[in-house]
Amino acid sequence: MPLFAAPMFLISGPDLVVAACKAGIIGAFPTPNCRTTGDLEDWLAEIDRRLSDPQDPNRSSYAPYAANLVVHSTNERLPADLDIVVRYQAPIVVTALGSPARVVDDVHSYGGIVLADVN
């Protein structure tokens, strides 16, 4: 059974995500925690770097991470955030506040998994 460190608004960031993944728990963060799409790119680059260090003998045991995208129609950043998430190939994308239909094809195109969070 997968275990998630919940994507907590204003709490979850790269340190928590990486620590959770290294403990075998899916580390998740809400993309709005990144104040800009540039920050989102920085976070994903840092998470990828820290979880895929070729010098780390334990990296094969790490859990994947999840980016939590707000898919509500009022989220003007969704297209740009989705482009970055796809570029970094986030292993899991959790959608919130609406239908996941807008992101499914893009995430599935690289083999990612989409989970819809129903609040």
C-alpha atoms as a PDB file:
ATOM      1  CA  MET A   1       0.000   0.000   0.000  1.00  0.00           C
ATOM      2  CA  PRO A   2       1.520   3.342  -0.975  1.00  0.00           C
ATOM      3  CA  LEU A   3       2.109   5.850   1.775  1.00  0.00           C
ATOM      4  CA  PHE A   4       2.044   9.597   1.001  1.00  0.00           C
ATOM      5  CA  ALA A   5       3.443  12.561   2.869  1.00  0.00           C
ATOM      6  CA  ALA A   6       0.517  14.844   2.094  1.00  0.00           C
ATOM      7  CA  PRO A   7       1.029  17.905  -0.101  1.00  0.00           C
ATOM      8  CA  MET A   8       0.533  20.525   2.596  1.00  0.00           C
ATOM      9  CA  PHE A   9      -0.004  24.140   1.590  1.00  0.00           C
ATOM     10  CA  LEU A  10       2.878  26.352   2.767  1.00  0.00           C
ATOM     11  CA  ILE A  11       4.564  23.386   4.508  1.00  0.00           C
ATOM     12  CA  SER A  12       5.677  20.871   1.877  1.00  0.00           C
ATOM     13  CA  GLY A  13       8.842  21.779   0.015  1.00  0.00           C
ATOM     14  CA  PRO A  14      11.945  20.121  -1.388  1.00  0.00           C
ATOM     15  CA  ASP A  15      13.404  19.199   2.005  1.00  0.00           C
ATOM     16  CA  LEU A  16      10.245  17.432   3.182  1.00  0.00           C
ATOM     17  CA  VAL A  17       9.668  15.764  -0.198  1.00  0.00           C
ATOM     18  CA  VAL A  18      13.225  14.433  -0.396  1.00  0.00           C
ATOM     19  CA  ALA A  19      13.218  13.254   3.226  1.00  0.00           C
ATOM     20  CA  ALA A  20       9.941  11.399   2.698  1.00  0.00           C
ATOM     21  CA  CYS A  21      11.124   9.767  -0.525  1.00  0.00           C
ATOM     22  CA  LYS A  22      14.373   8.669   1.094  1.00  0.00           C
ATOM     23  CA  ALA A  23      12.303   7.090   3.897  1.00  0.00           C
ATOM     24  CA  GLY A  24      10.280   5.107   1.337  1.00  0.00           C
ATOM     25  CA  ILE A  25       7.228   7.394   1.474  1.00  0.00           C
ATOM     26  CA  ILE A  26       5.879   9.252  -1.559  1.00  0.00           C
ATOM     27  CA  GLY A  27       6.769  12.891  -0.920  1.00  0.00           C
ATOM     28  CA  ALA A  28       4.234  15.349  -2.322  1.00  0.00           C
ATOM     29  CA  PHE A  29       4.003  19.116  -2.562  1.00  0.00           C
ATOM     30  CA  PRO A  30       1.375  21.515  -3.927  1.00  0.00           C
ATOM     31  CA  THR A  31       2.747  23.457  -6.877  1.00  0.00           C
ATOM     32  CA  PRO A  32       1.207  26.709  -5.500  1.00  0.00           C
ATOM     33  CA  ASN A  33       3.788  26.499  -2.696  1.00  0.00           C
ATOM     34  CA  CYS A  34       6.174  27.718  -5.390  1.00  0.00           C
ATOM     35  CA  ARG A  35       5.404  31.390  -5.726  1.00  0.00           C
ATOM     36  CA  THR A  36       6.287  31.410  -9.436  1.00  0.00           C
ATOM     37  CA  THR A  37       6.700  28.907 -12.249  1.00  0.00           C
ATOM     38  CA  GLY A  38      10.416  29.676 -12.074  1.00  0.00           C
ATOM     39  CA  ASP A  39      10.392  28.562  -8.441  1.00  0.00           C
ATOM     40  CA  LEU A  40       8.581  25.379  -9.491  1.00  0.00           C
ATOM     41  CA  GLU A  41      11.313  24.640 -11.997  1.00  0.00           C
ATOM     42  CA  ASP A  42      13.960  25.230  -9.324  1.00  0.00           C
ATOM     43  CA  TRP A  43      12.175  22.925  -6.878  1.00  0.00           C
ATOM     44  CA  LEU A  44      11.794  20.095  -9.393  1.00  0.00           C
ATOM     45  CA  ALA A  45      15.434  20.413 -10.444  1.00  0.00           C
ATOM     46  CA  GLU A  46      16.524  20.253  -6.805  1.00  0.00           C
ATOM     47  CA  ILE A  47      14.271  17.281  -5.983  1.00  0.00           C
ATOM     48  CA  ASP A  48      15.478  15.389  -9.059  1.00  0.00           C
ATOM     49  CA  ARG A  49      19.113  16.163  -8.269  1.00  0.00           C
ATOM     50  CA  ARG A  50      18.837  15.071  -4.647  1.00  0.00           C
ATOM     51  CA  LEU A  51      16.953  11.848  -5.438  1.00  0.00           C
ATOM     52  CA  SER A  52      19.074  10.735  -8.388  1.00  0.00           C
ATOM     53  CA  ASP A  53      22.617  11.365  -7.166  1.00  0.00           C
ATOM     54  CA  PRO A  54      24.689   8.652  -8.887  1.00  0.00           C
ATOM     55  CA  GLN A  55      27.013   8.577  -5.865  1.00  0.00           C
ATOM     56  CA  ASP A  56      24.134   7.598  -3.546  1.00  0.00           C
ATOM     57  CA  PRO A  57      24.078   3.796  -3.149  1.00  0.00           C
ATOM     58  CA  ASN A  58      20.531   3.898  -1.712  1.00  0.00           C
ATOM     59  CA  ARG A  59      18.827   5.790  -4.548  1.00  0.00           C
ATOM     60  CA  SER A  60      17.156   2.690  -5.994  1.00  0.00           C
ATOM     61  CA  SER A  61      15.146   2.265  -2.777  1.00  0.00           C
ATOM     62  CA  TYR A  62      13.669   5.772  -2.758  1.00  0.00           C
ATOM     63  CA  ALA A  63       9.954   6.291  -3.274  1.00  0.00           C
ATOM     64  CA  PRO A  64       8.814   8.535  -6.140  1.00  0.00           C
ATOM     65  CA  TYR A  65       7.653  12.077  -5.541  1.00  0.00           C
ATOM     66  CA  ALA A  66       4.349  13.716  -6.457  1.00  0.00           C
ATOM     67  CA  ALA A  67       3.558  17.194  -7.713  1.00  0.00           C
ATOM     68  CA  ASN A  68       0.080  18.398  -6.740  1.00  0.00           C
ATOM     69  CA  LEU A  69      -1.456  20.519  -9.501  1.00  0.00           C
ATOM     70  CA  VAL A  70      -4.516  22.693  -8.940  1.00  0.00           C
ATOM     71  CA  VAL A  71      -6.650  22.084 -12.028  1.00  0.00           C
ATOM     72  CA  HIS A  72      -9.455  24.504 -11.147  1.00  0.00           C
ATOM     73  CA  SER A  73     -10.357  26.879 -13.976  1.00  0.00           C
ATOM     74  CA  THR A  74      -9.229  29.879 -11.896  1.00  0.00           C
ATOM     75  CA  ASN A  75      -5.618  28.638 -11.757  1.00  0.00           C
ATOM     76  CA  GLU A  76      -4.019  30.754 -14.478  1.00  0.00           C
ATOM     77  CA  ARG A  77      -0.638  29.082 -13.862  1.00  0.00           C
ATOM     78  CA  LEU A  78      -1.829  25.574 -14.747  1.00  0.00           C
ATOM     79  CA  PRO A  79      -0.558  25.505 -18.367  1.00  0.00           C
ATOM     80  CA  ALA A  80       2.915  26.774 -17.405  1.00  0.00           C
ATOM     81  CA  ASP A  81       3.115  24.578 -14.294  1.00  0.00           C
ATOM     82  CA  LEU A  82       2.005  21.537 -16.279  1.00  0.00           C
ATOM     83  CA  ASP A  83       4.690  22.213 -18.908  1.00  0.00           C
ATOM     84  CA  ILE A  84       7.359  22.210 -16.191  1.00  0.00           C
ATOM     85  CA  VAL A  85       5.967  19.107 -14.482  1.00  0.00           C
ATOM     86  CA  VAL A  86       6.013  17.298 -17.846  1.00  0.00           C
ATOM     87  CA  ARG A  87       9.535  18.512 -18.641  1.00  0.00           C
ATOM     88  CA  TYR A  88      10.791  17.091 -15.331  1.00  0.00           C
ATOM     89  CA  GLN A  89       8.591  14.010 -15.716  1.00  0.00           C
ATOM     90  CA  ALA A  90       7.188  14.062 -12.199  1.00  0.00           C
ATOM     91  CA  PRO A  91       6.487  10.374 -11.497  1.00  0.00           C
ATOM     92  CA  ILE A  92       3.115  11.099  -9.882  1.00  0.00           C
ATOM     93  CA  VAL A  93       0.807  14.055 -10.427  1.00  0.00           C
ATOM     94  CA  VAL A  94      -2.018  14.585  -7.966  1.00  0.00           C
ATOM     95  CA  THR A  95      -4.744  16.871  -9.264  1.00  0.00           C
ATOM     96  CA  ALA A  96      -6.908  18.952  -6.966  1.00  0.00           C
ATOM     97  CA  LEU A  97     -10.020  21.102  -7.225  1.00  0.00           C
ATOM     98  CA  GLY A  98     -11.371  19.777 -10.498  1.00  0.00           C
ATOM     99  CA  SER A  99     -11.293  17.151 -13.177  1.00  0.00           C
ATOM    100  CA  PRO A 100      -7.880  15.644 -13.944  1.00  0.00           C
ATOM    101  CA  ALA A 101      -8.778  15.415 -17.656  1.00  0.00           C
ATOM    102  CA  ARG A 102      -6.669  18.466 -18.572  1.00  0.00           C
ATOM    103  CA  VAL A 103      -3.430  16.791 -17.469  1.00  0.00           C
ATOM    104  CA  VAL A 104      -3.937  13.056 -18.019  1.00  0.00           C
ATOM    105  CA  ASP A 105      -2.648  12.770 -21.604  1.00  0.00           C
ATOM    106  CA  ASP A 106       0.407  14.938 -20.934  1.00  0.00           C
ATOM    107  CA  VAL A 107       1.419  13.010 -17.817  1.00  0.00           C
ATOM    108  CA  HIS A 108       0.704   9.625 -19.351  1.00  0.00           C
ATOM    109  CA  SER A 109       2.836  10.589 -22.382  1.00  0.00           C
ATOM    110  CA  TYR A 110       6.014  10.046 -20.348  1.00  0.00           C
ATOM    111  CA  GLY A 111       4.689   7.203 -18.187  1.00  0.00           C
ATOM    112  CA  GLY A 112       3.602   9.288 -15.212  1.00  0.00           C
ATOM    113  CA  ILE A 113       0.662   8.439 -12.976  1.00  0.00           C
ATOM    114  CA  VAL A 114      -2.272  10.800 -12.347  1.00  0.00           C
ATOM    115  CA  LEU A 115      -4.264  10.599  -9.125  1.00  0.00           C
ATOM    116  CA  ALA A 116      -7.304  12.815  -8.615  1.00  0.00           C
ATOM    117  CA  ASP A 117      -7.726  14.208  -5.101  1.00  0.00           C
ATOM    118  CA  VAL A 118     -11.418  14.647  -4.423  1.00  0.00           C
ATOM    119  CA  ASN A 119     -12.038  17.169  -1.635  1.00  0.00           C
END
